[in-house]
Amino acid sequence: MPLWLQWTLIIAGLLAIATLIAFIVRQSRLLSLSRRRDDKNRAFREKRRQSMVESIQVIAMAVEEDQVEYSEACLRLKGLLDHVAPELLERSPYRIFREISDQLQHMPTHRARQATDTRFIEKMDQERLALEKQHADTIRRAATALRQHAF
């Protein structure tokens, strides 16, 4: 084999090795960056979940101490449980949060409530208060169970 061909093959081999090393280093950096992003994302999700669990505990405690209207607590707890542990909403005693929320779904809130006729609002409030009174014990028991639940 001629000398120039040997040197050409050696140089081509070295170029291939250098290219592969550059590719491996680049992929390693991208993988490391991806892992860091995933770790940050996981930490953010865990922090958010923990914040929701704390909110659930606070609302449940407020229900036990009669510091919040039961209807509002049910709406808030249902929303939080949808994100944290949706399977709880299918089990007793936690099912009441979903049931109350479903029964209050048609009622206007916030700006829609302000724009609604006063007589209609009074009728809705009577319906809501009757619903709260009817299910007060069940809601309180569910809140106590929820506060003691380990997430």
C-alpha atoms as a PDB file:
ATOM      1  CA  MET A   1       0.000   0.000   0.000  1.00  0.00           C
ATOM      2  CA  PRO A   2       1.429   3.364  -0.949  1.00  0.00           C
ATOM      3  CA  LEU A   3       2.512   5.702   1.837  1.00  0.00           C
ATOM      4  CA  TRP A   4       0.153   8.535   0.799  1.00  0.00           C
ATOM      5  CA  LEU A   5      -2.855   6.146   1.018  1.00  0.00           C
ATOM      6  CA  GLN A   6      -1.788   5.043   4.491  1.00  0.00           C
ATOM      7  CA  TRP A   7      -1.548   8.666   5.662  1.00  0.00           C
ATOM      8  CA  THR A   8      -4.905   9.497   4.041  1.00  0.00           C
ATOM      9  CA  LEU A   9      -6.597   6.594   5.835  1.00  0.00           C
ATOM     10  CA  ILE A  10      -4.956   7.525   9.140  1.00  0.00           C
ATOM     11  CA  ILE A  11      -6.099  11.148   8.794  1.00  0.00           C
ATOM     12  CA  ALA A  12      -9.615  10.028   7.771  1.00  0.00           C
ATOM     13  CA  GLY A  13      -9.727   7.730  10.811  1.00  0.00           C
ATOM     14  CA  LEU A  14      -8.580  10.523  13.128  1.00  0.00           C
ATOM     15  CA  LEU A  15     -11.229  12.866  11.648  1.00  0.00           C
ATOM     16  CA  ALA A  16     -13.905  10.213  12.188  1.00  0.00           C
ATOM     17  CA  ILE A  17     -12.752   9.719  15.779  1.00  0.00           C
ATOM     18  CA  ALA A  18     -12.731  13.497  16.423  1.00  0.00           C
ATOM     19  CA  THR A  19     -16.208  13.841  14.903  1.00  0.00           C
ATOM     20  CA  LEU A  20     -17.558  11.002  17.043  1.00  0.00           C
ATOM     21  CA  ILE A  21     -15.965  12.459  20.185  1.00  0.00           C
ATOM     22  CA  ALA A  22     -17.523  15.873  19.430  1.00  0.00           C
ATOM     23  CA  PHE A  23     -20.905  14.194  18.868  1.00  0.00           C
ATOM     24  CA  ILE A  24     -20.644  12.235  22.139  1.00  0.00           C
ATOM     25  CA  VAL A  25     -19.650  15.356  24.111  1.00  0.00           C
ATOM     26  CA  ARG A  26     -22.544  17.318  22.595  1.00  0.00           C
ATOM     27  CA  GLN A  27     -25.042  14.550  23.341  1.00  0.00           C
ATOM     28  CA  SER A  28     -23.693  14.258  26.883  1.00  0.00           C
ATOM     29  CA  ARG A  29     -24.210  17.986  27.461  1.00  0.00           C
ATOM     30  CA  LEU A  30     -27.735  17.852  26.025  1.00  0.00           C
ATOM     31  CA  LEU A  31     -28.563  14.853  28.200  1.00  0.00           C
ATOM     32  CA  SER A  32     -27.200  16.630  31.279  1.00  0.00           C
ATOM     33  CA  LEU A  33     -29.219  19.743  30.460  1.00  0.00           C
ATOM     34  CA  SER A  34     -32.329  17.640  29.941  1.00  0.00           C
ATOM     35  CA  ARG A  35     -31.806  15.912  33.295  1.00  0.00           C
ATOM     36  CA  ARG A  36     -31.427  19.272  35.060  1.00  0.00           C
ATOM     37  CA  ARG A  37     -34.630  20.531  33.426  1.00  0.00           C
ATOM     38  CA  ASP A  38     -36.456  17.365  34.425  1.00  0.00           C
ATOM     39  CA  ASP A  39     -35.201  17.701  37.999  1.00  0.00           C
ATOM     40  CA  LYS A  40     -36.355  21.343  38.170  1.00  0.00           C
ATOM     41  CA  ASN A  41     -39.700  20.405  36.665  1.00  0.00           C
ATOM     42  CA  ARG A  42     -40.124  17.507  39.093  1.00  0.00           C
ATOM     43  CA  ALA A  43     -39.202  19.769  42.032  1.00  0.00           C
ATOM     44  CA  PHE A  44     -41.691  22.407  40.847  1.00  0.00           C
ATOM     45  CA  ARG A  45     -44.469  19.811  40.499  1.00  0.00           C
ATOM     46  CA  GLU A  46     -43.705  18.371  43.926  1.00  0.00           C
ATOM     47  CA  LYS A  47     -43.666  21.835  45.501  1.00  0.00           C
ATOM     48  CA  ARG A  48     -46.956  22.682  43.787  1.00  0.00           C
ATOM     49  CA  ARG A  49     -48.499  19.390  44.919  1.00  0.00           C
ATOM     50  CA  GLN A  50     -47.318  19.992  48.483  1.00  0.00           C
ATOM     51  CA  SER A  51     -48.831  23.462  48.373  1.00  0.00           C
ATOM     52  CA  MET A  52     -52.147  21.986  47.240  1.00  0.00           C
ATOM     53  CA  VAL A  53     -52.023  19.393  50.029  1.00  0.00           C
ATOM     54  CA  GLU A  54     -51.428  22.180  52.559  1.00  0.00           C
ATOM     55  CA  SER A  55     -54.387  24.099  51.104  1.00  0.00           C
ATOM     56  CA  ILE A  56     -56.547  20.997  51.437  1.00  0.00           C
ATOM     57  CA  GLN A  57     -55.488  20.631  55.080  1.00  0.00           C
ATOM     58  CA  VAL A  58     -56.218  24.299  55.827  1.00  0.00           C
ATOM     59  CA  ILE A  59     -59.646  24.218  54.173  1.00  0.00           C
ATOM     60  CA  ALA A  60     -60.537  20.972  55.956  1.00  0.00           C
ATOM     61  CA  MET A  61     -59.509  22.537  59.259  1.00  0.00           C
ATOM     62  CA  ALA A  62     -61.586  25.623  58.468  1.00  0.00           C
ATOM     63  CA  VAL A  63     -64.608  23.385  57.810  1.00  0.00           C
ATOM     64  CA  GLU A  64     -64.116  21.625  61.140  1.00  0.00           C
ATOM     65  CA  GLU A  65     -63.987  24.967  62.932  1.00  0.00           C
ATOM     66  CA  ASP A  66     -66.945  26.442  60.954  1.00  0.00           C
ATOM     67  CA  GLN A  67     -64.796  29.245  59.534  1.00  0.00           C
ATOM     68  CA  VAL A  68     -65.895  28.740  55.930  1.00  0.00           C
ATOM     69  CA  GLU A  69     -69.178  28.112  54.171  1.00  0.00           C
ATOM     70  CA  TYR A  70     -69.514  24.435  53.398  1.00  0.00           C
ATOM     71  CA  SER A  71     -70.492  25.028  49.790  1.00  0.00           C
ATOM     72  CA  GLU A  72     -67.374  27.076  49.098  1.00  0.00           C
ATOM     73  CA  ALA A  73     -65.206  24.539  50.911  1.00  0.00           C
ATOM     74  CA  CYS A  74     -66.679  21.727  48.813  1.00  0.00           C
ATOM     75  CA  LEU A  75     -65.992  23.618  45.586  1.00  0.00           C
ATOM     76  CA  ARG A  76     -62.417  24.386  46.588  1.00  0.00           C
ATOM     77  CA  LEU A  77     -61.686  20.917  47.951  1.00  0.00           C
ATOM     78  CA  LYS A  78     -63.094  19.259  44.860  1.00  0.00           C
ATOM     79  CA  GLY A  79     -60.890  21.431  42.646  1.00  0.00           C
ATOM     80  CA  LEU A  80     -57.781  20.681  44.689  1.00  0.00           C
ATOM     81  CA  LEU A  81     -58.524  16.973  44.967  1.00  0.00           C
ATOM     82  CA  ASP A  82     -58.985  16.800  41.191  1.00  0.00           C
ATOM     83  CA  HIS A  83     -55.282  17.641  40.931  1.00  0.00           C
ATOM     84  CA  VAL A  84     -53.863  15.882  43.971  1.00  0.00           C
ATOM     85  CA  ALA A  85     -55.889  12.692  44.394  1.00  0.00           C
ATOM     86  CA  PRO A  86     -58.900  12.435  42.055  1.00  0.00           C
ATOM     87  CA  GLU A  87     -59.540   8.843  43.117  1.00  0.00           C
ATOM     88  CA  LEU A  88     -60.600  10.087  46.571  1.00  0.00           C
ATOM     89  CA  LEU A  89     -63.621  11.841  45.050  1.00  0.00           C
ATOM     90  CA  GLU A  90     -65.032   8.427  44.152  1.00  0.00           C
ATOM     91  CA  ARG A  91     -64.727   7.014  47.675  1.00  0.00           C
ATOM     92  CA  SER A  92     -66.754   7.601  50.790  1.00  0.00           C
ATOM     93  CA  PRO A  93     -66.683   9.960  52.707  1.00  0.00           C
ATOM     94  CA  TYR A  94     -64.890  12.252  50.234  1.00  0.00           C
ATOM     95  CA  ARG A  95     -67.519  11.722  47.539  1.00  0.00           C
ATOM     96  CA  ILE A  96     -69.640  14.473  49.132  1.00  0.00           C
ATOM     97  CA  PHE A  97     -67.267  17.169  47.829  1.00  0.00           C
ATOM     98  CA  ARG A  98     -67.931  16.114  44.238  1.00  0.00           C
ATOM     99  CA  GLU A  99     -71.659  15.713  44.827  1.00  0.00           C
ATOM    100  CA  ILE A 100     -72.061  19.191  46.349  1.00  0.00           C
ATOM    101  CA  SER A 101     -69.861  20.713  43.658  1.00  0.00           C
ATOM    102  CA  ASP A 102     -71.974  19.090  40.952  1.00  0.00           C
ATOM    103  CA  GLN A 103     -75.167  20.408  42.545  1.00  0.00           C
ATOM    104  CA  LEU A 104     -73.749  23.942  42.744  1.00  0.00           C
ATOM    105  CA  GLN A 105     -72.313  23.920  39.218  1.00  0.00           C
ATOM    106  CA  HIS A 106     -75.250  25.820  37.703  1.00  0.00           C
ATOM    107  CA  MET A 107     -75.000  28.719  40.150  1.00  0.00           C
ATOM    108  CA  PRO A 108     -73.329  31.933  38.968  1.00  0.00           C
ATOM    109  CA  THR A 109     -70.108  33.041  40.642  1.00  0.00           C
ATOM    110  CA  HIS A 110     -67.959  36.176  40.713  1.00  0.00           C
ATOM    111  CA  ARG A 111     -68.856  38.628  37.937  1.00  0.00           C
ATOM    112  CA  ALA A 112     -71.741  36.526  36.671  1.00  0.00           C
ATOM    113  CA  ARG A 113     -73.241  36.641  40.163  1.00  0.00           C
ATOM    114  CA  GLN A 114     -72.888  40.436  40.292  1.00  0.00           C
ATOM    115  CA  ALA A 115     -74.605  40.771  36.923  1.00  0.00           C
ATOM    116  CA  THR A 116     -77.506  38.487  37.915  1.00  0.00           C
ATOM    117  CA  ASP A 117     -80.866  39.648  39.234  1.00  0.00           C
ATOM    118  CA  THR A 118     -80.976  40.023  43.031  1.00  0.00           C
ATOM    119  CA  ARG A 119     -84.102  37.871  43.422  1.00  0.00           C
ATOM    120  CA  PHE A 120     -82.467  35.071  41.460  1.00  0.00           C
ATOM    121  CA  ILE A 121     -79.343  35.337  43.632  1.00  0.00           C
ATOM    122  CA  GLU A 122     -81.465  35.141  46.780  1.00  0.00           C
ATOM    123  CA  LYS A 123     -83.181  32.024  45.426  1.00  0.00           C
ATOM    124  CA  MET A 124     -79.811  30.443  44.609  1.00  0.00           C
ATOM    125  CA  ASP A 125     -78.476  31.333  48.060  1.00  0.00           C
ATOM    126  CA  GLN A 126     -81.494  29.695  49.715  1.00  0.00           C
ATOM    127  CA  GLU A 127     -80.924  26.579  47.607  1.00  0.00           C
ATOM    128  CA  ARG A 128     -77.212  26.580  48.492  1.00  0.00           C
ATOM    129  CA  LEU A 129     -77.842  27.074  52.212  1.00  0.00           C
ATOM    130  CA  ALA A 130     -80.454  24.291  52.221  1.00  0.00           C
ATOM    131  CA  LEU A 131     -77.948  22.001  50.534  1.00  0.00           C
ATOM    132  CA  GLU A 132     -75.290  22.935  53.118  1.00  0.00           C
ATOM    133  CA  LYS A 133     -77.701  22.299  55.988  1.00  0.00           C
ATOM    134  CA  GLN A 134     -78.811  18.966  54.550  1.00  0.00           C
ATOM    135  CA  HIS A 135     -75.254  17.665  54.188  1.00  0.00           C
ATOM    136  CA  ALA A 136     -73.512  19.511  57.048  1.00  0.00           C
ATOM    137  CA  ASP A 137     -72.640  16.419  59.094  1.00  0.00           C
ATOM    138  CA  THR A 138     -71.382  14.497  56.067  1.00  0.00           C
ATOM    139  CA  ILE A 139     -69.242  17.445  54.952  1.00  0.00           C
ATOM    140  CA  ARG A 140     -67.758  17.844  58.434  1.00  0.00           C
ATOM    141  CA  ARG A 141     -66.960  14.116  58.681  1.00  0.00           C
ATOM    142  CA  ALA A 142     -65.397  14.170  55.221  1.00  0.00           C
ATOM    143  CA  ALA A 143     -63.306  17.217  56.135  1.00  0.00           C
ATOM    144  CA  THR A 144     -62.071  15.507  59.292  1.00  0.00           C
ATOM    145  CA  ALA A 145     -61.184  12.379  57.326  1.00  0.00           C
ATOM    146  CA  LEU A 146     -59.473  14.501  54.685  1.00  0.00           C
ATOM    147  CA  ARG A 147     -57.414  16.393  57.238  1.00  0.00           C
ATOM    148  CA  GLN A 148     -56.204  13.096  58.678  1.00  0.00           C
ATOM    149  CA  HIS A 149     -55.560  11.520  55.268  1.00  0.00           C
ATOM    150  CA  ALA A 150     -51.906  10.929  54.362  1.00  0.00           C
ATOM    151  CA  PHE A 151     -51.279  12.163  50.813  1.00  0.00           C
END
